[in-house]
Amino acid sequence: MNAPVAVVTGMAWTTPLGDGLDEVWRLLCSGADGVVPVGSPHRLRTLLAGEVPVPPYASVAPEERQIAIAVRTLAGAFAEAGVAADDPSVTLVLGTSFGGQLDAEDEEPERHWTQEVAHRLGHPGTPLCVTTACSAGADSLLVSEALLRSGRARICVAGGADVLSEVKRLGHSALGTMSRTGLRAFDAGHDGMVLGEGAGFLVLELEETARARGARILARLDGVGSANDATGLTAPDPTGDSVVAAVRRCPGGTEEVAVVCAHGTGTPVNDEVEATSLHRLFAGSGNGPIVFGTKGALGHSLGATGAIEAIATILALRHRAAPPLAGLDSPMPGFTLRLADGTAQEVHGGAGLSLTLGFGGFNTCVRFSCGQESFPHGEEIAWPGRLAVAGHGTVTVEDPAARSANRPSLYADPVAWLVAAAVEAALDESGCREDVLAARDDVAVIVLTGAQALPTSRVLAAQAGTRGRVSPLRFAGANPGILTGLTCIQWGLRGPSLVLAAADDSTVDAALTVAESWLSSGQARYVIAARHQAHPEGHTVRCAVLHAATEPGTDPRALLTAPIVSLATTA
């Protein structure tokens, strides 16, 4: 049957250049940038950053700034779409990387930041939280599309918010990823990135819903593709295979693409991978698309960047112009596509791609199209109708650190090792390991975790507070995306990947909907779904290996929501 069409009916952003869509777009096209020196009590590789001035960085805690920026931006998106913020039929899908949690040594707040955002908005629902590092904003669109097309959501407001913090600045200084002179994506002199902050949110609904309520349609969301590098915690796969796979899994792919908003971090490694991938994707396609990016002007806003750049892609299509790449003076050797240099470049065509590459191996491609009065139905799908369980396993421990002892030098948060142990149990439980690993390029992974910060986050906060520096290995391994990333690395799994935080039983339903979407579209042959829960006796991870089937079988939801068995009972 034909898939229904998801469309964008509202959007808003908060950036270092301002909040207004048209105002910021005009500034970007004029070559302006919002990167300034931002003070710090610590010794950093650079003070340069893209700062949102309100609330002020110097006097307001990161968690509060993130909540305030998210609420302000969400309110703008709701208003532009003509949707009430307290509408119970709206699902919030909010993305971030670390959020503000890295800088908090004290106890967990009463509410997760996403729940506090909903509370201040007056929204009655419990938001979904996507935390896949720099791909989180884009992956929130992936989740939303699956919910809309399945009929499990009527309207989604999706995107990301992220803020500067001292631990993030210390962490990226320790990793050596930041430039002392400025972010120059795809320039011959590129030497690193500059951190930024902000938020971006898009209102998504099916075209028939939008037309029934008389909404203005800004763009069509053609689809989202995802792939994991399965190579390392921070460095991308140098071959570009996973970026290419993400684009090719995206419905529509490169067909009639006129513009690409690249991830464009300005680090030599990332720029080289993107350049290689784009050449492979568009070689022989005539002039090819114009490639632009926003990070030179706005800084790298981590978990918000995928949403901010999705909005930028839509604006490029609607205004038929791509803003110049800030900092680009001399294009890097071997870049074969047209770069937006000097002044805004004219865009000829109605489709565009937005790419994100995140720590933990997350690669996401979002495709939009504009300029049509109505849109044809999406690609045909043939969904057999059920998720079957090929294997399942459960691991419970008092202290997850016990599972990470005597591991290789690769550091990952102890909870990530616990997830990997549960995945191993699931692969072995029903003898499905051989079949699953034979299809490793098409095996997807979804991990759900609770509202609590990972143990390593607390360690980093303490290090920053007492020593004024953090361990680069622990900083890389504390990224919540590593809960999926480590499993992908361990078994070389290169399918789509996702992490959902602040998870309750309703989040399990959302995760299974995404799994159904990946299986029905052919983006994955198997989906490994794992759920981590902290409880008074310790930590439990349940895992189910899923595939498509026509016959009834074990209910995966029942496996992932079953009551936790006491350690005393299992002893």
Protein backbone atom coordinates (compact mmCIF):
# COMPACT_ATOMS: atom_id res chain seq x y z
CA MET A 1 0.00 0.00 0.00
CA ASN A 2 1.06 3.65 -0.40
CA ALA A 3 2.54 5.35 2.63
CA PRO A 4 0.92 8.58 3.83
CA VAL A 5 2.88 11.82 3.40
CA ALA A 6 4.34 13.73 6.38
CA VAL A 7 4.55 17.51 5.98
CA VAL A 8 6.01 20.44 7.93
CA THR A 9 3.46 23.03 9.04
CA GLY A 10 5.49 25.09 11.48
CA MET A 11 9.06 25.64 12.61
CA ALA A 12 11.09 27.85 14.89
CA TRP A 13 14.67 28.18 16.02
CA THR A 14 16.82 29.93 18.58
CA THR A 15 20.37 30.63 17.40
CA PRO A 16 23.37 32.82 18.23
CA LEU A 17 22.18 35.12 15.41
CA GLY A 18 18.67 35.50 16.82
CA ASP A 19 15.30 33.77 16.86
CA GLY A 20 13.34 34.99 13.82
CA LEU A 21 13.28 32.60 10.87
CA ASP A 22 13.52 35.32 8.22
CA GLU A 23 15.88 37.49 10.26
CA VAL A 24 18.41 34.72 10.90
CA TRP A 25 18.12 33.47 7.32
CA ARG A 26 18.87 36.96 5.99
CA LEU A 27 21.91 37.20 8.28
CA LEU A 28 23.18 33.77 7.21
CA CYS A 29 22.83 34.69 3.53
CA SER A 30 24.71 37.96 4.15
CA GLY A 31 27.67 36.06 5.60
CA ALA A 32 27.14 37.13 9.22
CA ASP A 33 28.22 34.91 12.10
CA GLY A 34 27.36 34.72 15.79
CA VAL A 35 30.62 33.25 17.09
CA VAL A 36 32.18 35.34 19.86
CA PRO A 37 34.61 34.86 22.77
CA VAL A 38 32.70 33.39 25.73
CA GLY A 39 34.41 33.69 29.11
CA SER A 40 35.41 30.68 31.20
CA PRO A 41 37.24 30.12 34.50
CA HIS A 42 39.02 27.16 32.90
CA ARG A 43 41.91 26.78 30.53
CA LEU A 44 40.27 25.89 27.21
CA ARG A 45 41.59 25.27 23.74
CA THR A 46 39.50 28.25 22.60
CA LEU A 47 37.05 30.73 24.11
CA LEU A 48 35.20 31.06 20.79
CA ALA A 49 31.61 29.80 20.80
CA GLY A 50 28.22 30.49 19.31
CA GLU A 51 26.34 31.86 22.32
CA VAL A 52 22.61 32.48 22.70
CA PRO A 53 22.48 35.65 24.83
CA VAL A 54 19.29 34.92 26.80
CA PRO A 55 19.34 33.39 29.36
CA PRO A 56 22.93 34.54 30.02
CA TYR A 57 25.62 31.85 30.00
CA ALA A 58 27.62 33.42 32.82
CA SER A 59 24.87 33.43 35.44
CA VAL A 60 22.30 30.70 34.66
CA ALA A 61 22.90 26.96 35.09
CA PRO A 62 23.08 24.87 31.87
CA GLU A 63 20.02 22.75 32.67
CA GLU A 64 17.87 25.85 33.26
CA ARG A 65 19.19 27.51 30.10
CA GLN A 66 18.37 24.42 28.06
CA ILE A 67 14.82 24.26 29.42
CA ALA A 68 14.23 27.98 28.86
CA ILE A 69 15.56 27.92 25.28
CA ALA A 70 13.56 24.79 24.45
CA VAL A 71 10.32 26.25 25.86
CA ARG A 72 10.77 29.51 23.96
CA THR A 73 11.50 27.77 20.68
CA LEU A 74 8.71 25.22 21.04
CA ALA A 75 6.23 28.01 21.75
CA GLY A 76 7.29 29.65 18.50
CA ALA A 77 6.83 26.43 16.51
CA PHE A 78 3.38 25.81 18.00
CA ALA A 79 2.33 29.38 17.22
CA GLU A 80 3.53 29.29 13.61
CA ALA A 81 1.66 26.05 12.99
CA GLY A 82 -1.53 27.33 14.62
CA VAL A 83 -1.53 24.49 17.15
CA ALA A 84 -2.25 24.96 20.85
CA ALA A 85 0.61 23.99 23.15
CA ASP A 86 -1.84 22.18 25.46
CA ASP A 87 -3.31 20.05 22.66
CA PRO A 88 -3.26 16.46 24.01
CA SER A 89 -3.13 15.02 20.48
CA VAL A 90 0.36 16.47 19.99
CA THR A 91 3.42 14.32 20.72
CA LEU A 92 6.64 16.08 21.72
CA VAL A 93 9.87 14.45 20.47
CA LEU A 94 12.82 16.33 21.93
CA GLY A 95 16.47 15.66 21.14
CA THR A 96 19.74 16.55 22.86
CA SER A 97 23.28 15.27 23.33
CA PHE A 98 24.28 15.57 26.99
CA GLY A 99 21.85 18.38 27.72
CA GLY A 100 22.80 20.19 30.93
CA GLN A 101 23.41 17.07 33.01
CA LEU A 102 27.20 16.97 32.71
CA ASP A 103 27.63 19.98 34.98
CA ALA A 104 25.38 18.77 37.82
CA GLU A 105 27.15 16.92 40.65
CA ASP A 106 24.15 16.94 42.96
CA GLU A 107 21.08 14.69 42.95
CA GLU A 108 18.87 14.21 39.94
CA PRO A 109 16.21 16.92 39.45
CA GLU A 110 12.62 16.10 40.32
CA ARG A 111 11.72 16.07 36.63
CA HIS A 112 13.75 15.16 33.55
CA TRP A 113 14.42 18.26 31.45
CA THR A 114 11.96 17.13 28.77
CA GLN A 115 9.22 16.72 31.37
CA GLU A 116 9.96 20.17 32.79
CA VAL A 117 9.73 21.63 29.28
CA ALA A 118 6.29 20.06 28.80
CA HIS A 119 5.20 21.32 32.22
CA ARG A 120 6.20 24.93 31.49
CA LEU A 121 4.54 24.78 28.08
CA GLY A 122 1.35 23.49 29.64
CA HIS A 123 1.54 20.37 27.50
CA PRO A 124 -0.23 17.39 29.11
CA GLY A 125 1.79 14.60 27.51
CA THR A 126 5.09 12.93 28.39
CA PRO A 127 7.72 13.83 25.77
CA LEU A 128 9.95 11.33 24.04
CA CYS A 129 13.65 12.13 24.44
CA VAL A 130 16.12 11.25 21.67
CA THR A 131 19.79 11.30 22.66
CA THR A 132 21.99 10.26 19.76
CA ALA A 133 24.73 12.89 20.15
CA CYS A 134 24.97 15.26 17.17
CA SER A 135 22.25 13.37 15.28
CA ALA A 136 19.62 13.78 18.02
CA GLY A 137 17.76 16.67 16.39
CA ALA A 138 17.56 14.81 13.08
CA ASP A 139 16.66 11.51 14.73
CA SER A 140 13.72 13.17 16.46
CA LEU A 141 12.30 13.65 12.96
CA LEU A 142 12.93 9.97 12.24
CA VAL A 143 10.93 8.94 15.31
CA SER A 144 8.15 11.40 14.52
CA GLU A 145 7.77 10.22 10.94
CA ALA A 146 7.36 6.63 12.12
CA LEU A 147 4.73 7.64 14.69
CA LEU A 148 2.76 9.69 12.15
CA ARG A 149 2.81 7.17 9.34
CA SER A 150 1.78 4.36 11.67
CA GLY A 151 -1.19 6.37 12.91
CA ARG A 152 0.15 6.34 16.49
CA ALA A 153 0.45 10.14 16.54
CA ARG A 154 -1.68 12.91 15.00
CA ILE A 155 0.82 15.78 15.22
CA CYS A 156 4.44 15.71 16.37
CA VAL A 157 6.60 18.65 17.37
CA ALA A 158 10.15 17.43 16.94
CA GLY A 159 13.67 18.77 17.08
CA GLY A 160 16.50 19.41 19.48
CA ALA A 161 17.91 21.76 22.10
CA ASP A 162 21.43 21.94 23.46
CA VAL A 163 23.51 24.47 25.37
CA LEU A 164 27.09 25.34 26.09
CA SER A 165 28.52 24.12 29.37
CA GLU A 166 31.90 24.13 31.02
CA VAL A 167 32.19 20.32 30.97
CA LYS A 168 31.42 20.18 27.25
CA ARG A 169 34.00 22.88 26.58
CA LEU A 170 36.57 21.09 28.73
CA GLY A 171 35.74 17.76 27.09
CA HIS A 172 36.15 19.00 23.54
CA SER A 173 39.33 20.84 24.56
CA ALA A 174 40.68 17.54 25.90
CA LEU A 175 39.68 15.71 22.71
CA GLY A 176 41.41 18.36 20.58
CA THR A 177 38.37 18.80 18.34
CA MET A 178 38.09 22.60 18.68
CA SER A 179 39.76 25.22 16.51
CA ARG A 180 41.56 28.17 18.09
CA THR A 181 40.81 30.40 15.10
CA GLY A 182 37.31 29.51 13.88
CA LEU A 183 35.28 26.80 12.18
CA ARG A 184 36.11 26.58 8.46
CA ALA A 185 34.19 23.64 7.02
CA PHE A 186 35.66 22.17 3.83
CA ASP A 187 38.41 24.80 3.74
CA ALA A 188 42.00 23.80 3.06
CA GLY A 189 42.96 25.37 6.39
CA HIS A 190 40.29 23.70 8.51
CA ASP A 191 41.57 22.66 11.92
CA GLY A 192 38.56 21.99 14.13
CA MET A 193 35.12 23.03 15.22
CA VAL A 194 33.63 25.69 17.48
CA LEU A 195 30.88 24.83 19.94
CA GLY A 196 27.50 26.51 19.75
CA GLU A 197 24.07 26.24 21.28
CA GLY A 198 20.43 26.75 20.42
CA ALA A 199 17.25 24.92 19.53
CA GLY A 200 15.15 24.06 16.51
CA PHE A 201 11.70 22.46 16.35
CA LEU A 202 9.43 21.47 13.47
CA VAL A 203 5.70 20.72 13.56
CA LEU A 204 4.98 17.54 11.57
CA GLU A 205 1.68 15.98 10.58
CA LEU A 206 0.20 13.97 7.74
CA GLU A 207 -0.79 16.01 4.72
CA GLU A 208 -4.45 15.06 5.08
CA THR A 209 -4.46 16.26 8.70
CA ALA A 210 -2.83 19.54 7.73
CA ARG A 211 -5.25 20.22 4.89
CA ALA A 212 -8.26 19.30 7.01
CA ARG A 213 -7.37 22.00 9.55
CA GLY A 214 -6.34 24.54 6.90
CA ALA A 215 -2.67 24.62 7.88
CA ARG A 216 0.01 26.18 5.69
CA ILE A 217 2.37 23.50 4.37
CA LEU A 218 6.01 24.57 4.37
CA ALA A 219 7.64 21.39 3.06
CA ARG A 220 7.25 17.67 2.70
CA LEU A 221 9.34 15.34 4.82
CA ASP A 222 10.22 12.77 2.16
CA GLY A 223 11.92 10.50 4.65
CA VAL A 224 14.83 9.82 6.97
CA GLY A 225 17.66 7.31 6.61
CA SER A 226 20.04 6.13 9.32
CA ALA A 227 23.20 4.02 9.60
CA ASN A 228 25.85 3.42 12.25
CA ASP A 229 29.61 3.52 11.62
CA ALA A 230 30.32 0.67 14.08
CA THR A 231 33.95 1.80 14.21
CA GLY A 232 34.64 4.05 17.22
CA LEU A 233 33.28 6.37 19.89
CA THR A 234 34.28 9.66 18.27
CA ALA A 235 35.98 9.11 14.89
CA PRO A 236 33.77 8.43 11.86
CA ASP A 237 34.24 5.54 9.46
CA PRO A 238 36.86 6.92 7.04
CA THR A 239 35.37 5.06 4.06
CA GLY A 240 32.12 7.02 4.25
CA ASP A 241 30.17 3.77 3.79
CA SER A 242 27.74 4.54 6.61
CA VAL A 243 27.01 8.07 5.41
CA VAL A 244 26.31 6.68 1.95
CA ALA A 245 24.10 3.97 3.48
CA ALA A 246 22.11 6.56 5.48
CA VAL A 247 21.42 8.57 2.31
CA ARG A 248 20.48 5.50 0.30
CA ARG A 249 18.12 4.30 3.05
CA CYS A 250 16.39 7.67 2.95
CA PRO A 251 13.29 7.53 0.68
CA GLY A 252 14.03 9.46 -2.51
CA GLY A 253 17.77 9.35 -1.85
CA THR A 254 19.73 11.65 -4.15
CA GLU A 255 17.04 11.95 -6.83
CA GLU A 256 16.57 15.57 -7.97
CA VAL A 257 18.49 16.89 -4.95
CA ALA A 258 19.45 20.53 -5.50
CA VAL A 259 21.01 21.39 -2.16
CA VAL A 260 22.75 19.59 0.72
CA CYS A 261 23.15 21.03 4.19
CA ALA A 262 26.31 19.21 5.24
CA HIS A 263 27.30 18.39 8.81
CA GLY A 264 30.42 20.46 8.11
CA THR A 265 32.16 20.49 11.50
CA GLY A 266 35.48 21.83 10.20
CA THR A 267 37.50 18.96 11.66
CA PRO A 268 39.77 17.49 8.97
CA VAL A 269 38.56 13.93 9.64
CA ASN A 270 34.85 14.73 9.47
CA ASP A 271 35.19 17.00 6.45
CA GLU A 272 37.16 14.34 4.58
CA VAL A 273 34.53 11.68 5.31
CA GLU A 274 31.70 13.94 4.15
CA ALA A 275 33.59 14.99 1.04
CA THR A 276 34.26 11.35 0.15
CA SER A 277 30.65 10.37 0.80
CA LEU A 278 29.16 13.22 -1.22
CA HIS A 279 31.46 12.46 -4.15
CA ARG A 280 30.37 8.80 -4.13
CA LEU A 281 26.71 9.79 -3.95
CA PHE A 282 26.67 12.50 -6.62
CA ALA A 283 29.55 11.63 -8.97
CA GLY A 284 28.32 11.71 -12.55
CA SER A 285 25.15 13.66 -11.72
CA GLY A 286 25.92 16.72 -13.81
CA ASN A 287 26.54 19.84 -11.76
CA GLY A 288 25.31 18.11 -8.63
CA PRO A 289 23.81 19.90 -5.63
CA ILE A 290 25.12 22.99 -3.90
CA VAL A 291 26.66 22.13 -0.51
CA PHE A 292 26.33 24.54 2.39
CA GLY A 293 26.40 24.43 6.20
CA THR A 294 25.62 26.61 9.21
CA LYS A 295 28.23 25.74 11.83
CA GLY A 296 30.79 28.34 10.76
CA ALA A 297 28.17 30.99 11.52
CA LEU A 298 26.33 29.43 14.45
CA GLY A 299 28.84 27.01 16.02
CA HIS A 300 28.21 23.31 16.51
CA SER A 301 25.12 22.98 18.71
CA LEU A 302 25.50 19.19 19.07
CA GLY A 303 22.05 17.69 19.78
CA ALA A 304 20.25 20.72 18.31
CA THR A 305 22.20 20.95 15.08
CA GLY A 306 20.20 18.34 13.14
CA ALA A 307 16.97 20.27 13.73
CA ILE A 308 18.48 23.71 13.10
CA GLU A 309 19.96 22.48 9.83
CA ALA A 310 16.73 20.74 8.83
CA ILE A 311 15.08 24.17 9.09
CA ALA A 312 17.96 25.70 7.12
CA THR A 313 17.45 23.10 4.38
CA ILE A 314 13.75 23.95 4.11
CA LEU A 315 14.52 27.67 3.99
CA ALA A 316 17.11 27.10 1.25
CA LEU A 317 14.47 25.31 -0.82
CA ARG A 318 11.77 27.89 -0.13
CA HIS A 319 14.02 30.90 -0.79
CA ARG A 320 15.90 29.12 -3.59
CA ALA A 321 19.21 30.20 -2.11
CA ALA A 322 22.03 28.59 -0.12
CA PRO A 323 23.93 30.80 2.34
CA PRO A 324 27.72 30.98 2.06
CA LEU A 325 29.88 28.74 4.23
CA ALA A 326 31.31 31.05 6.88
CA GLY A 327 35.09 30.73 7.04
CA LEU A 328 35.51 29.19 3.58
CA ASP A 329 38.40 30.88 1.75
CA SER A 330 40.07 28.10 -0.23
CA PRO A 331 38.13 24.82 -0.74
CA MET A 332 39.92 21.68 0.41
CA PRO A 333 41.60 19.73 -2.39
CA GLY A 334 39.46 17.05 -3.96
CA PHE A 335 36.05 18.46 -3.02
CA THR A 336 34.17 17.74 -6.23
CA LEU A 337 30.77 19.36 -5.62
CA ARG A 338 29.81 23.03 -5.67
CA LEU A 339 30.37 24.76 -2.35
CA ALA A 340 28.37 27.81 -1.31
CA ASP A 341 31.21 30.32 -1.14
CA GLY A 342 31.36 34.09 -1.17
CA THR A 343 27.69 35.03 -1.35
CA ALA A 344 24.36 33.20 -1.28
CA GLN A 345 24.08 30.77 -4.20
CA GLU A 346 20.92 30.24 -6.24
CA VAL A 347 19.24 26.86 -5.77
CA HIS A 348 17.53 25.24 -8.75
CA GLY A 349 15.30 22.35 -7.72
CA GLY A 350 12.80 21.24 -5.15
CA ALA A 351 14.57 18.63 -2.96
CA GLY A 352 17.26 18.93 -0.34
CA LEU A 353 19.18 16.75 2.11
CA SER A 354 20.38 17.51 5.63
CA LEU A 355 23.20 15.31 6.96
CA THR A 356 24.33 14.72 10.55
CA LEU A 357 27.25 12.64 11.83
CA GLY A 358 27.32 12.00 15.58
CA PHE A 359 29.65 10.58 18.23
CA GLY A 360 28.80 6.92 18.71
CA GLY A 361 28.64 6.38 14.95
CA PHE A 362 25.21 7.92 14.29
CA ASN A 363 24.69 9.03 10.69
CA THR A 364 21.31 10.46 9.68
CA CYS A 365 20.00 11.86 6.41
CA VAL A 366 16.76 13.86 6.28
CA ARG A 367 15.20 14.68 2.91
CA PHE A 368 12.73 17.52 2.27
CA SER A 369 10.96 18.77 -0.84
CA CYS A 370 9.13 22.02 -1.54
CA GLY A 371 7.25 23.74 -4.30
CA GLN A 372 4.29 21.41 -4.89
CA GLU A 373 0.65 22.20 -4.22
CA SER A 374 0.10 18.61 -3.13
CA PHE A 375 2.44 15.70 -2.74
CA PRO A 376 2.21 12.19 -4.12
CA HIS A 377 1.94 9.36 -1.65
CA GLY A 378 5.17 7.97 -0.29
CA GLU A 379 6.89 4.84 -1.48
CA GLU A 380 4.88 1.64 -1.39
CA ILE A 381 5.37 -0.46 1.70
CA ALA A 382 4.64 -4.12 2.25
CA TRP A 383 4.43 -4.71 5.98
CA PRO A 384 3.64 -8.26 7.12
CA GLY A 385 2.04 -6.89 10.25
CA ARG A 386 3.93 -8.39 13.19
CA LEU A 387 7.19 -8.19 15.06
CA ALA A 388 8.62 -11.61 15.81
CA VAL A 389 11.19 -12.30 18.53
CA ALA A 390 14.21 -14.25 17.34
CA GLY A 391 15.87 -14.18 20.75
CA HIS A 392 15.77 -12.39 24.07
CA GLY A 393 17.85 -12.04 27.21
CA THR A 394 17.97 -10.21 30.54
CA VAL A 395 20.90 -9.16 32.70
CA THR A 396 20.55 -7.74 36.23
CA VAL A 397 23.46 -6.53 38.39
CA GLU A 398 23.85 -4.53 41.58
CA ASP A 399 26.60 -2.36 40.09
CA PRO A 400 27.03 -2.04 36.29
CA ALA A 401 30.71 -1.21 36.80
CA ALA A 402 31.25 -4.92 37.44
CA ARG A 403 30.38 -5.60 33.80
CA SER A 404 32.95 -3.15 32.49
CA ALA A 405 35.91 -4.49 34.47
CA ASN A 406 38.86 -5.98 32.56
CA ARG A 407 37.61 -4.61 29.28
CA PRO A 408 39.82 -3.34 26.42
CA SER A 409 41.24 0.17 26.55
CA LEU A 410 38.13 1.49 24.81
CA TYR A 411 36.23 3.33 27.53
CA ALA A 412 32.45 3.32 27.62
CA ASP A 413 30.04 4.02 30.44
CA PRO A 414 29.37 0.89 32.56
CA VAL A 415 25.71 0.91 31.52
CA ALA A 416 26.80 0.57 27.88
CA TRP A 417 28.73 -2.60 28.78
CA LEU A 418 25.66 -3.88 30.61
CA VAL A 419 23.56 -3.30 27.48
CA ALA A 420 26.16 -5.16 25.43
CA ALA A 421 25.99 -8.09 27.87
CA ALA A 422 22.20 -8.26 27.49
CA VAL A 423 22.52 -8.17 23.71
CA GLU A 424 24.99 -11.05 23.87
CA ALA A 425 22.55 -13.02 26.03
CA ALA A 426 19.75 -12.38 23.54
CA LEU A 427 21.88 -13.46 20.58
CA ASP A 428 22.83 -16.68 22.33
CA GLU A 429 19.50 -17.49 24.00
CA SER A 430 17.74 -18.88 20.93
CA GLY A 431 20.74 -19.53 18.74
CA CYS A 432 20.05 -16.56 16.48
CA ARG A 433 23.59 -15.14 16.64
CA GLU A 434 24.76 -16.63 13.33
CA ASP A 435 21.76 -15.41 11.34
CA VAL A 436 21.82 -11.94 12.85
CA LEU A 437 25.54 -11.38 12.42
CA ALA A 438 25.38 -12.63 8.83
CA ALA A 439 23.14 -9.61 8.18
CA ARG A 440 25.16 -7.16 10.33
CA ASP A 441 25.09 -4.36 7.73
CA ASP A 442 21.29 -4.35 8.06
CA VAL A 443 20.92 -4.90 11.81
CA ALA A 444 19.42 -1.94 13.67
CA VAL A 445 19.80 -1.17 17.38
CA ILE A 446 17.45 0.76 19.66
CA VAL A 447 18.29 1.30 23.33
CA LEU A 448 15.93 2.80 25.90
CA THR A 449 17.19 4.16 29.19
CA GLY A 450 15.74 6.05 32.15
CA ALA A 451 15.75 9.68 33.25
CA GLN A 452 18.90 9.33 35.36
CA ALA A 453 22.28 10.54 34.15
CA LEU A 454 24.84 7.87 33.26
CA PRO A 455 27.39 7.14 36.03
CA THR A 456 30.27 8.61 34.03
CA SER A 457 28.45 11.96 33.77
CA ARG A 458 28.73 12.38 37.52
CA VAL A 459 32.44 11.54 37.37
CA LEU A 460 32.99 14.21 34.72
CA ALA A 461 31.10 16.82 36.72
CA ALA A 462 33.28 16.05 39.75
CA GLN A 463 36.49 16.18 37.68
CA ALA A 464 35.55 19.56 36.25
CA GLY A 465 34.62 20.93 39.66
CA THR A 466 37.75 19.82 41.49
CA ARG A 467 40.45 19.69 38.80
CA GLY A 468 39.27 22.07 36.09
CA ARG A 469 39.79 19.42 33.44
CA VAL A 470 38.19 16.14 32.34
CA SER A 471 39.41 12.85 30.93
CA PRO A 472 38.99 12.75 27.14
CA LEU A 473 38.31 9.00 27.26
CA ARG A 474 35.60 9.39 29.88
CA PHE A 475 34.10 12.37 28.06
CA ALA A 476 33.79 10.32 24.86
CA GLY A 477 32.46 7.31 26.75
CA ALA A 478 29.88 9.29 28.71
CA ASN A 479 27.91 10.27 25.61
CA PRO A 480 24.45 8.66 26.07
CA GLY A 481 24.60 7.56 22.45
CA ILE A 482 27.27 5.07 23.47
CA LEU A 483 24.49 2.87 24.90
CA THR A 484 23.79 1.91 21.28
CA GLY A 485 27.19 2.77 19.83
CA LEU A 486 29.13 0.23 21.89
CA THR A 487 26.88 -2.64 20.81
CA CYS A 488 27.29 -1.57 17.18
CA ILE A 489 31.07 -1.47 17.61
CA GLN A 490 31.20 -4.84 19.41
CA TRP A 491 29.37 -6.73 16.65
CA GLY A 492 29.96 -4.49 13.62
CA LEU A 493 26.25 -3.61 13.28
CA ARG A 494 25.76 -0.92 10.61
CA GLY A 495 21.99 -0.62 10.43
CA PRO A 496 19.93 2.30 11.77
CA SER A 497 20.49 3.16 15.44
CA LEU A 498 18.70 5.10 18.14
CA VAL A 499 18.73 5.92 21.88
CA LEU A 500 15.61 7.05 23.74
CA ALA A 501 16.03 8.44 27.28
CA ALA A 502 13.58 9.14 30.11
CA ALA A 503 11.83 6.01 28.92
CA ASP A 504 8.61 4.65 30.38
CA ASP A 505 6.34 1.91 29.04
CA SER A 506 4.84 4.28 26.45
CA THR A 507 8.35 4.87 25.13
CA VAL A 508 8.56 1.13 24.48
CA ASP A 509 5.56 1.52 22.17
CA ALA A 510 7.34 4.31 20.28
CA ALA A 511 10.52 2.23 19.97
CA LEU A 512 8.60 -0.74 18.60
CA THR A 513 6.86 1.56 16.12
CA VAL A 514 10.26 2.70 14.85
CA ALA A 515 11.36 -0.94 14.65
CA GLU A 516 8.28 -1.76 12.57
CA SER A 517 9.05 1.17 10.30
CA TRP A 518 12.62 0.03 9.69
CA LEU A 519 11.60 -3.55 9.02
CA SER A 520 8.67 -2.66 6.77
CA SER A 521 10.72 -0.26 4.66
CA GLY A 522 13.63 -2.66 4.25
CA GLN A 523 16.01 -0.37 6.14
CA ALA A 524 16.73 -3.27 8.52
CA ARG A 525 16.44 -7.06 8.52
CA TYR A 526 16.72 -7.35 12.31
CA VAL A 527 16.21 -4.81 15.10
CA ILE A 528 17.87 -5.30 18.47
CA ALA A 529 15.78 -3.52 21.11
CA ALA A 530 17.16 -3.17 24.65
CA ARG A 531 15.74 -1.42 27.70
CA HIS A 532 17.87 -0.31 30.67
CA GLN A 533 16.21 0.39 34.01
CA ALA A 534 17.80 1.50 37.29
CA HIS A 535 16.00 0.33 40.42
CA PRO A 536 16.68 0.07 44.18
CA GLU A 537 18.47 -3.27 43.81
CA GLY A 538 20.67 -2.26 40.87
CA HIS A 539 20.33 -2.18 37.11
CA THR A 540 18.45 -4.41 34.67
CA VAL A 541 18.69 -4.57 30.88
CA ARG A 542 16.20 -6.58 28.85
CA CYS A 543 16.87 -7.25 25.18
CA ALA A 544 14.81 -8.64 22.30
CA VAL A 545 16.03 -9.43 18.79
CA LEU A 546 13.17 -8.60 16.40
CA HIS A 547 12.37 -9.45 12.81
CA ALA A 548 9.34 -9.37 10.55
CA ALA A 549 6.93 -12.30 10.60
CA THR A 550 3.38 -13.18 9.63
CA GLU A 551 2.71 -15.67 12.42
CA PRO A 552 1.94 -14.72 16.01
CA GLY A 553 4.68 -15.27 18.57
CA THR A 554 6.22 -13.84 21.70
CA ASP A 555 5.04 -10.29 22.37
CA PRO A 556 8.13 -8.01 22.37
CA ARG A 557 6.31 -5.35 24.37
CA ALA A 558 5.60 -7.85 27.13
CA LEU A 559 9.31 -8.77 27.24
CA LEU A 560 10.46 -5.14 27.49
CA THR A 561 7.86 -4.05 30.07
CA ALA A 562 7.84 -7.14 32.33
CA PRO A 563 8.23 -6.54 36.08
CA ILE A 564 11.82 -6.51 37.30
CA VAL A 565 12.74 -9.72 39.12
CA SER A 566 14.43 -9.25 42.49
CA LEU A 567 18.10 -10.15 42.71
CA ALA A 568 17.24 -12.19 45.79
CA THR A 569 14.81 -14.23 43.69
CA THR A 570 17.42 -14.92 41.01
CA ALA A 571 20.20 -15.72 43.47
